[in-house]
C-alpha atoms as a PDB file:
ATOM      1  CA  MET A   1      29.786-156.831 -64.474  1.00  0.00           C
ATOM      2  CA  SER A   2      31.684-157.847 -67.120  1.00  0.00           C
ATOM      3  CA  PHE A   3      35.899-156.736 -67.483  1.00  0.00           C
ATOM      4  CA  LEU A   4      35.008-154.314 -70.023  1.00  0.00           C
ATOM      5  CA  ASP A   5      32.134-152.808 -67.843  1.00  0.00           C
ATOM      6  CA  ILE A   6      34.579-152.261 -64.968  1.00  0.00           C
ATOM      7  CA  ALA A   7      37.273-151.115 -66.980  1.00  0.00           C
ATOM      8  CA  LEU A   8      34.868-148.329 -68.741  1.00  0.00           C
ATOM      9  CA  VAL A   9      33.435-147.381 -65.183  1.00  0.00           C
ATOM     10  CA  CYS A  10      36.952-147.082 -63.890  1.00  0.00           C
ATOM     11  CA  ILE A  11      38.086-144.766 -66.563  1.00  0.00           C
ATOM     12  CA  ALA A  12      35.122-142.559 -66.857  1.00  0.00           C
ATOM     13  CA  ALA A  13      35.230-142.088 -62.892  1.00  0.00           C
ATOM     14  CA  ALA A  14      39.110-141.410 -62.981  1.00  0.00           C
ATOM     15  CA  CYS A  15      38.192-138.866 -65.711  1.00  0.00           C
ATOM     16  CA  ALA A  16      35.162-137.486 -63.759  1.00  0.00           C
ATOM     17  CA  GLY A  17      37.670-136.795 -60.679  1.00  0.00           C
ATOM     18  CA  ALA A  18      40.504-135.356 -62.837  1.00  0.00           C
ATOM     19  CA  MET A  19      37.932-132.887 -64.350  1.00  0.00           C
ATOM     20  CA  ASN A  20      36.276-131.778 -61.221  1.00  0.00           C
ATOM     21  CA  ALA A  21      39.895-131.424 -59.686  1.00  0.00           C
ATOM     22  CA  VAL A  22      40.730-129.158 -62.513  1.00  0.00           C
ATOM     23  CA  ALA A  23      37.905-127.418 -64.250  1.00  0.00           C
ATOM     24  CA  GLY A  24      34.704-129.041 -63.202  1.00  0.00           C
ATOM     25  CA  GLY A  25      32.205-130.924 -65.526  1.00  0.00           C
ATOM     26  CA  GLY A  26      32.930-134.427 -64.193  1.00  0.00           C
ATOM     27  CA  THR A  27      29.339-135.541 -64.256  1.00  0.00           C
ATOM     28  CA  PHE A  28      29.460-135.713 -68.325  1.00  0.00           C
ATOM     29  CA  PHE A  29      32.097-138.547 -67.965  1.00  0.00           C
ATOM     30  CA  SER A  30      30.983-140.948 -65.062  1.00  0.00           C
ATOM     31  CA  PHE A  31      26.901-140.593 -65.562  1.00  0.00           C
ATOM     32  CA  PRO A  32      26.917-141.382 -69.530  1.00  0.00           C
ATOM     33  CA  ALA A  33      29.375-144.431 -68.131  1.00  0.00           C
ATOM     34  CA  LEU A  34      26.927-145.645 -65.967  1.00  0.00           C
ATOM     35  CA  LEU A  35      24.105-145.498 -68.643  1.00  0.00           C
ATOM     36  CA  ALA A  36      26.620-147.462 -71.234  1.00  0.00           C
ATOM     37  CA  VAL A  37      26.942-150.500 -68.555  1.00  0.00           C
ATOM     38  CA  GLY A  38      23.224-150.977 -68.200  1.00  0.00           C
ATOM     39  CA  VAL A  39      22.519-149.223 -65.080  1.00  0.00           C
ATOM     40  CA  PRO A  40      19.021-147.574 -65.076  1.00  0.00           C
ATOM     41  CA  PRO A  41      18.629-143.922 -65.636  1.00  0.00           C
ATOM     42  CA  VAL A  42      17.280-142.947 -62.120  1.00  0.00           C
ATOM     43  CA  MET A  43      19.654-145.384 -60.453  1.00  0.00           C
ATOM     44  CA  ALA A  44      22.606-144.227 -62.350  1.00  0.00           C
ATOM     45  CA  ASN A  45      22.301-140.565 -61.396  1.00  0.00           C
ATOM     46  CA  ALA A  46      21.839-141.484 -57.895  1.00  0.00           C
ATOM     47  CA  SER A  47      24.987-143.656 -58.008  1.00  0.00           C
ATOM     48  CA  ASN A  48      26.952-140.985 -59.525  1.00  0.00           C
ATOM     49  CA  SER A  49      26.038-138.465 -56.879  1.00  0.00           C
ATOM     50  CA  VAL A  50      26.979-140.952 -54.121  1.00  0.00           C
ATOM     51  CA  ALA A  51      30.289-141.750 -55.993  1.00  0.00           C
ATOM     52  CA  LEU A  52      31.405-138.063 -56.384  1.00  0.00           C
ATOM     53  CA  TRP A  53      30.080-136.935 -52.854  1.00  0.00           C
ATOM     54  CA  PRO A  54      33.278-137.310 -51.007  1.00  0.00           C
ATOM     55  CA  ALA A  55      34.883-134.559 -53.571  1.00  0.00           C
ATOM     56  CA  SER A  56      32.415-132.045 -52.310  1.00  0.00           C
ATOM     57  CA  LEU A  57      33.134-132.470 -48.680  1.00  0.00           C
ATOM     58  CA  SER A  58      36.682-131.804 -49.221  1.00  0.00           C
ATOM     59  CA  GLY A  59      36.012-128.882 -51.138  1.00  0.00           C
ATOM     60  CA  ALA A  60      34.083-127.435 -48.451  1.00  0.00           C
ATOM     61  CA  TRP A  61      36.573-128.392 -45.935  1.00  0.00           C
ATOM     62  CA  ALA A  62      39.524-126.609 -47.751  1.00  0.00           C
ATOM     63  CA  TYR A  63      37.765-123.197 -47.541  1.00  0.00           C
ATOM     64  CA  ARG A  64      36.969-123.748 -43.759  1.00  0.00           C
ATOM     65  CA  ALA A  65      38.824-120.665 -42.924  1.00  0.00           C
ATOM     66  CA  GLU A  66      37.153-118.354 -45.433  1.00  0.00           C
ATOM     67  CA  LEU A  67      33.778-119.672 -44.281  1.00  0.00           C
ATOM     68  CA  ALA A  68      33.992-119.011 -40.570  1.00  0.00           C
ATOM     69  CA  ARG A  69      33.270-115.280 -40.893  1.00  0.00           C
ATOM     70  CA  PHE A  70      30.125-116.070 -42.917  1.00  0.00           C
ATOM     71  CA  LYS A  71      28.338-118.329 -40.144  1.00  0.00           C
ATOM     72  CA  ARG A  72      25.282-116.332 -39.504  1.00  0.00           C
ATOM     73  CA  TYR A  73      24.756-115.364 -43.321  1.00  0.00           C
ATOM     74  CA  LEU A  74      25.079-118.886 -44.378  1.00  0.00           C
ATOM     75  CA  LEU A  75      22.394-120.343 -41.981  1.00  0.00           C
ATOM     76  CA  PRO A  76      19.501-119.339 -43.908  1.00  0.00           C
ATOM     77  CA  LEU A  77      21.403-120.500 -47.221  1.00  0.00           C
ATOM     78  CA  GLY A  78      21.995-123.867 -45.771  1.00  0.00           C
ATOM     79  CA  ALA A  79      18.630-124.368 -44.659  1.00  0.00           C
ATOM     80  CA  VAL A  80      17.074-123.520 -48.075  1.00  0.00           C
ATOM     81  CA  SER A  81      20.072-125.994 -49.451  1.00  0.00           C
ATOM     82  CA  PHE A  82      19.057-128.713 -47.388  1.00  0.00           C
ATOM     83  CA  ILE A  83      15.341-128.633 -48.071  1.00  0.00           C
ATOM     84  CA  GLY A  84      15.763-128.052 -51.992  1.00  0.00           C
ATOM     85  CA  GLY A  85      18.174-130.936 -52.050  1.00  0.00           C
ATOM     86  CA  ILE A  86      15.708-133.201 -50.124  1.00  0.00           C
ATOM     87  CA  GLY A  87      13.234-132.105 -52.894  1.00  0.00           C
ATOM     88  CA  GLY A  88      15.317-132.652 -55.639  1.00  0.00           C
ATOM     89  CA  GLY A  89      16.147-136.135 -54.314  1.00  0.00           C
ATOM     90  CA  LEU A  90      12.597-137.169 -53.846  1.00  0.00           C
ATOM     91  CA  LEU A  91      11.468-135.856 -57.414  1.00  0.00           C
ATOM     92  CA  LEU A  92      14.201-138.166 -58.927  1.00  0.00           C
ATOM     93  CA  LEU A  93      13.007-141.172 -57.190  1.00  0.00           C
ATOM     94  CA  ALA A  94       9.502-140.371 -58.151  1.00  0.00           C
ATOM     95  CA  THR A  95      10.478-139.904 -61.661  1.00  0.00           C
ATOM     96  CA  LYS A  96      10.070-143.027 -63.708  1.00  0.00           C
ATOM     97  CA  ASP A  97      13.145-144.434 -65.969  1.00  0.00           C
ATOM     98  CA  ALA A  98      11.325-144.033 -69.031  1.00  0.00           C
ATOM     99  CA  VAL A  99      10.745-140.165 -68.281  1.00  0.00           C
ATOM    100  CA  PHE A 100      13.986-139.532 -66.983  1.00  0.00           C
ATOM    101  CA  ALA A 101      15.625-141.052 -69.947  1.00  0.00           C
ATOM    102  CA  ARG A 102      13.661-138.602 -72.201  1.00  0.00           C
ATOM    103  CA  LEU A 103      14.906-136.005 -69.993  1.00  0.00           C
ATOM    104  CA  ILE A 104      18.789-136.720 -70.210  1.00  0.00           C
ATOM    105  CA  PRO A 105      19.426-135.037 -73.489  1.00  0.00           C
ATOM    106  CA  TRP A 106      17.873-131.675 -72.177  1.00  0.00           C
ATOM    107  CA  LEU A 107      19.502-131.828 -69.010  1.00  0.00           C
ATOM    108  CA  LEU A 108      22.968-132.320 -70.762  1.00  0.00           C
ATOM    109  CA  LEU A 109      22.192-129.705 -73.076  1.00  0.00           C
ATOM    110  CA  PHE A 110      21.389-127.226 -70.295  1.00  0.00           C
ATOM    111  CA  ALA A 111      24.483-128.239 -68.109  1.00  0.00           C
ATOM    112  CA  THR A 112      26.775-127.922 -71.190  1.00  0.00           C
ATOM    113  CA  LEU A 113      25.384-124.323 -72.299  1.00  0.00           C
ATOM    114  CA  LEU A 114      25.856-123.356 -68.335  1.00  0.00           C
ATOM    115  CA  PHE A 115      29.334-124.611 -68.476  1.00  0.00           C
ATOM    116  CA  ALA A 116      30.089-122.845 -71.550  1.00  0.00           C
ATOM    117  CA  PHE A 117      28.655-119.481 -70.733  1.00  0.00           C
ATOM    118  CA  SER A 118      29.229-119.717 -66.759  1.00  0.00           C
ATOM    119  CA  GLY A 119      31.497-116.555 -67.045  1.00  0.00           C
ATOM    120  CA  LYS A 120      29.305-114.499 -69.022  1.00  0.00           C
ATOM    121  CA  ILE A 121      26.212-115.541 -66.829  1.00  0.00           C
ATOM    122  CA  SER A 122      28.000-114.659 -63.585  1.00  0.00           C
ATOM    123  CA  ALA A 123      29.142-111.236 -64.950  1.00  0.00           C
ATOM    124  CA  LEU A 124      25.717-110.224 -66.249  1.00  0.00           C
ATOM    125  CA  LEU A 125      23.838-111.506 -62.961  1.00  0.00           C
ATOM    126  CA  LYS A 126      26.649-109.402 -60.803  1.00  0.00           C
ATOM    127  CA  ARG A 127      24.812-106.291 -58.946  1.00  0.00           C
ATOM    128  CA  PRO A 128      26.982-103.308 -58.434  1.00  0.00           C
ATOM    129  CA  HIS A 129      30.314-103.611 -56.201  1.00  0.00           C
ATOM    130  CA  ASP A 130      28.799-101.324 -53.432  1.00  0.00           C
ATOM    131  CA  HIS A 131      26.117-103.568 -52.692  1.00  0.00           C
ATOM    132  CA  ARG A 132      26.466-105.581 -49.717  1.00  0.00           C
ATOM    133  CA  PRO A 133      25.483-109.299 -50.116  1.00  0.00           C
ATOM    134  CA  GLY A 134      22.435-110.334 -48.000  1.00  0.00           C
ATOM    135  CA  ASN A 135      19.619-113.076 -47.834  1.00  0.00           C
ATOM    136  CA  SER A 136      16.967-111.432 -49.557  1.00  0.00           C
ATOM    137  CA  PRO A 137      13.806-113.653 -50.153  1.00  0.00           C
ATOM    138  CA  LEU A 138      14.532-113.494 -54.003  1.00  0.00           C
ATOM    139  CA  SER A 139      18.157-114.774 -53.161  1.00  0.00           C
ATOM    140  CA  LEU A 140      16.917-117.533 -50.920  1.00  0.00           C
ATOM    141  CA  LEU A 141      14.433-118.614 -53.464  1.00  0.00           C
ATOM    142  CA  GLY A 142      17.090-118.454 -55.989  1.00  0.00           C
ATOM    143  CA  GLN A 143      19.340-120.939 -53.905  1.00  0.00           C
ATOM    144  CA  GLY A 144      16.190-123.145 -53.127  1.00  0.00           C
ATOM    145  CA  LEU A 145      15.489-123.793 -56.749  1.00  0.00           C
ATOM    146  CA  VAL A 146      19.322-124.447 -57.585  1.00  0.00           C
ATOM    147  CA  ALA A 147      19.542-127.024 -54.788  1.00  0.00           C
ATOM    148  CA  VAL A 148      16.277-128.806 -56.292  1.00  0.00           C
ATOM    149  CA  TYR A 149      18.177-128.685 -59.500  1.00  0.00           C
ATOM    150  CA  GLY A 150      21.125-130.360 -57.803  1.00  0.00           C
ATOM    151  CA  GLY A 151      19.297-133.004 -55.973  1.00  0.00           C
ATOM    152  CA  PHE A 152      17.716-133.994 -59.308  1.00  0.00           C
ATOM    153  CA  PHE A 153      20.396-133.987 -61.830  1.00  0.00           C
ATOM    154  CA  GLY A 154      23.652-132.121 -60.136  1.00  0.00           C
ATOM    155  CA  ALA A 155      25.506-131.409 -63.539  1.00  0.00           C
ATOM    156  CA  GLY A 156      25.941-127.852 -63.832  1.00  0.00           C
ATOM    157  CA  MET A 157      24.740-127.079 -60.339  1.00  0.00           C
ATOM    158  CA  GLY A 158      27.964-125.449 -59.272  1.00  0.00           C
ATOM    159  CA  ILE A 159      27.641-122.948 -62.138  1.00  0.00           C
ATOM    160  CA  LEU A 160      23.884-121.827 -61.271  1.00  0.00           C
ATOM    161  CA  MET A 161      25.109-121.537 -57.751  1.00  0.00           C
ATOM    162  CA  LEU A 162      27.922-119.177 -58.950  1.00  0.00           C
ATOM    163  CA  ALA A 163      25.235-117.138 -60.525  1.00  0.00           C
ATOM    164  CA  SER A 164      22.828-117.127 -57.466  1.00  0.00           C
ATOM    165  CA  LEU A 165      25.400-115.899 -55.211  1.00  0.00           C
ATOM    166  CA  ALA A 166      26.838-113.108 -57.723  1.00  0.00           C
ATOM    167  CA  MET A 167      23.008-112.263 -57.825  1.00  0.00           C
ATOM    168  CA  ALA A 168      23.025-111.789 -54.088  1.00  0.00           C
ATOM    169  CA  GLY A 169      25.671-109.177 -54.193  1.00  0.00           C
ATOM    170  CA  HIS A 170      28.993-111.283 -54.044  1.00  0.00           C
ATOM    171  CA  ASP A 171      31.886-110.348 -56.070  1.00  0.00           C
ATOM    172  CA  ASP A 172      35.046-112.028 -54.349  1.00  0.00           C
ATOM    173  CA  VAL A 173      36.020-114.976 -56.123  1.00  0.00           C
ATOM    174  CA  HIS A 174      37.359-116.762 -53.315  1.00  0.00           C
ATOM    175  CA  GLU A 175      34.449-115.899 -51.277  1.00  0.00           C
ATOM    176  CA  ILE A 176      31.869-117.032 -53.885  1.00  0.00           C
ATOM    177  CA  ASN A 177      33.890-120.500 -54.225  1.00  0.00           C
ATOM    178  CA  ALA A 178      33.767-121.128 -50.619  1.00  0.00           C
ATOM    179  CA  ILE A 179      30.316-120.394 -50.070  1.00  0.00           C
ATOM    180  CA  LYS A 180      29.514-122.466 -53.238  1.00  0.00           C
ATOM    181  CA  ASN A 181      31.699-125.646 -52.103  1.00  0.00           C
ATOM    182  CA  LEU A 182      29.986-125.640 -48.510  1.00  0.00           C
ATOM    183  CA  LEU A 183      26.062-125.218 -50.120  1.00  0.00           C
ATOM    184  CA  SER A 184      27.028-127.784 -52.600  1.00  0.00           C
ATOM    185  CA  ALA A 185      28.306-130.221 -50.102  1.00  0.00           C
ATOM    186  CA  ILE A 186      25.257-129.627 -48.202  1.00  0.00           C
ATOM    187  CA  VAL A 187      23.013-130.720 -51.381  1.00  0.00           C
ATOM    188  CA  TYR A 188      25.205-133.344 -52.162  1.00  0.00           C
ATOM    189  CA  SER A 189      25.127-135.007 -48.647  1.00  0.00           C
ATOM    190  CA  VAL A 190      21.327-134.507 -48.313  1.00  0.00           C
ATOM    191  CA  THR A 191      20.660-136.357 -51.366  1.00  0.00           C
ATOM    192  CA  VAL A 192      23.009-139.070 -51.028  1.00  0.00           C
ATOM    193  CA  ALA A 193      21.420-139.763 -47.645  1.00  0.00           C
ATOM    194  CA  THR A 194      17.903-139.715 -49.608  1.00  0.00           C
ATOM    195  CA  PHE A 195      19.383-142.122 -52.599  1.00  0.00           C
ATOM    196  CA  VAL A 196      20.943-144.743 -49.965  1.00  0.00           C
ATOM    197  CA  ALA A 197      17.673-144.665 -47.537  1.00  0.00           C
ATOM    198  CA  ALA A 198      15.653-145.427 -50.768  1.00  0.00           C
ATOM    199  CA  GLY A 199      17.839-148.267 -51.774  1.00  0.00           C
ATOM    200  CA  ALA A 200      18.356-146.190 -55.430  1.00  0.00           C
ATOM    201  CA  VAL A 201      22.239-146.758 -55.385  1.00  0.00           C
ATOM    202  CA  SER A 202      23.935-149.651 -57.443  1.00  0.00           C
ATOM    203  CA  TRP A 203      26.660-150.084 -55.026  1.00  0.00           C
ATOM    204  CA  PRO A 204      29.088-152.371 -57.083  1.00  0.00           C
ATOM    205  CA  HIS A 205      29.431-149.514 -59.554  1.00  0.00           C
ATOM    206  CA  THR A 206      29.501-146.922 -57.040  1.00  0.00           C
ATOM    207  CA  LEU A 207      32.245-148.484 -54.878  1.00  0.00           C
ATOM    208  CA  ILE A 208      34.485-148.852 -58.022  1.00  0.00           C
ATOM    209  CA  MET A 209      33.727-145.130 -59.090  1.00  0.00           C
ATOM    210  CA  LEU A 210      34.602-143.751 -55.531  1.00  0.00           C
ATOM    211  CA  ALA A 211      37.736-145.185 -55.753  1.00  0.00           C
ATOM    212  CA  ALA A 212      38.667-144.236 -59.333  1.00  0.00           C
ATOM    213  CA  ALA A 213      37.367-140.739 -58.872  1.00  0.00           C
ATOM    214  CA  THR A 214      39.503-140.301 -55.908  1.00  0.00           C
ATOM    215  CA  LEU A 215      42.736-141.404 -57.726  1.00  0.00           C
ATOM    216  CA  GLY A 216      41.444-139.411 -60.676  1.00  0.00           C
ATOM    217  CA  GLY A 217      40.964-136.344 -58.487  1.00  0.00           C
ATOM    218  CA  TYR A 218      44.563-136.740 -56.835  1.00  0.00           C
ATOM    219  CA  GLY A 219      45.950-137.086 -60.621  1.00  0.00           C
ATOM    220  CA  GLY A 220      44.112-134.004 -62.046  1.00  0.00           C
ATOM    221  CA  ALA A 221      45.255-131.862 -59.424  1.00  0.00           C
ATOM    222  CA  ARG A 222      48.831-132.601 -60.010  1.00  0.00           C
ATOM    223  CA  ILE A 223      48.193-132.400 -64.016  1.00  0.00           C
ATOM    224  CA  ALA A 224      46.534-129.024 -63.667  1.00  0.00           C
ATOM    225  CA  ARG A 225      49.487-127.006 -63.276  1.00  0.00           C
ATOM    226  CA  LYS A 226      50.736-128.210 -66.671  1.00  0.00           C
ATOM    227  CA  ILE A 227      47.649-127.909 -68.994  1.00  0.00           C
ATOM    228  CA  PRO A 228      46.030-124.677 -69.714  1.00  0.00           C
ATOM    229  CA  ALA A 229      42.400-124.279 -68.220  1.00  0.00           C
ATOM    230  CA  LEU A 230      40.844-123.002 -71.349  1.00  0.00           C
ATOM    231  CA  TRP A 231      41.764-126.223 -73.285  1.00  0.00           C
ATOM    232  CA  LEU A 232      40.263-128.201 -70.512  1.00  0.00           C
ATOM    233  CA  ARG A 233      37.123-126.209 -70.623  1.00  0.00           C
ATOM    234  CA  ARG A 234      36.707-126.651 -74.356  1.00  0.00           C
ATOM    235  CA  PHE A 235      37.132-130.204 -74.099  1.00  0.00           C
ATOM    236  CA  ILE A 236      34.431-130.777 -71.553  1.00  0.00           C
ATOM    237  CA  ILE A 237      32.175-128.539 -73.753  1.00  0.00           C
ATOM    238  CA  ALA A 238      32.975-130.804 -76.598  1.00  0.00           C
ATOM    239  CA  VAL A 239      32.363-133.808 -74.746  1.00  0.00           C
ATOM    240  CA  GLY A 240      28.852-132.295 -73.261  1.00  0.00           C
ATOM    241  CA  LEU A 241      27.709-131.691 -76.738  1.00  0.00           C
ATOM    242  CA  ILE A 242      28.796-135.083 -78.158  1.00  0.00           C
ATOM    243  CA  LEU A 243      27.029-136.749 -75.452  1.00  0.00           C
ATOM    244  CA  THR A 244      23.674-134.371 -75.963  1.00  0.00           C
ATOM    245  CA  VAL A 245      23.581-135.288 -79.441  1.00  0.00           C
ATOM    246  CA  PHE A 246      24.012-138.755 -78.881  1.00  0.00           C
ATOM    247  CA  TYR A 247      21.264-139.108 -76.393  1.00  0.00           C
ATOM    248  CA  PHE A 248      18.844-136.758 -78.393  1.00  0.00           C
ATOM    249  CA  GLN A 249      19.392-139.449 -81.252  1.00  0.00           C
ATOM    250  CA  LYS A 250      18.516-142.436 -78.860  1.00  0.00           C
ATOM    251  CA  THR A 251      15.332-140.718 -77.819  1.00  0.00           C
ATOM    252  CA  LEU A 252      14.011-140.239 -81.325  1.00  0.00           C
END
């Protein structure tokens, strides 16, 4: 890697860590940066998942108290997340770089729209407040599909998961966030293990991103109190749209 490559990856990973700590959407920075420095698309996606994995674990650990009362309820959801994460990871590894490169703009567009309309999506999918959350076959299927998507690409998985939990009857924001963080950590953990076992990770890039994303996450958490969340969301959406247009042009 050249000095410019290292600098680009560091800056992008730091931005990704900061964005994830504040409002989400960090993948819009880190994944394109890996593509820009010449990492093949499938390996770039796998490496990005590994680099941002520790953040998912820390997010789940932070909500351990809220999760304690949902142990039995979470077992089926955790199981389908585990299986779906493996399925999504294997699907990515089976996808050729040329095919994945053509999917990138569509995946970025989908993730950007999810991020932009996440509030409205969750509101539309919420059930009446007197409905008690449960693990119906439909809700388990929905979580399984979200886990497959998360293992395959990842960007926007948290938003999809919020919508899926809202469909299952959850309406408490802290409760939803706690369960989402745990299930996301399960998906990321199993896909990371799959990517590492398959040798699909570019370790030089990944280790640099791990360090930079950790520092960015710490800095982002400190800055979060000073910057309105709405501005950050608009900035992430703008970045997502710009990258979507850029990659659509590259596939023409």
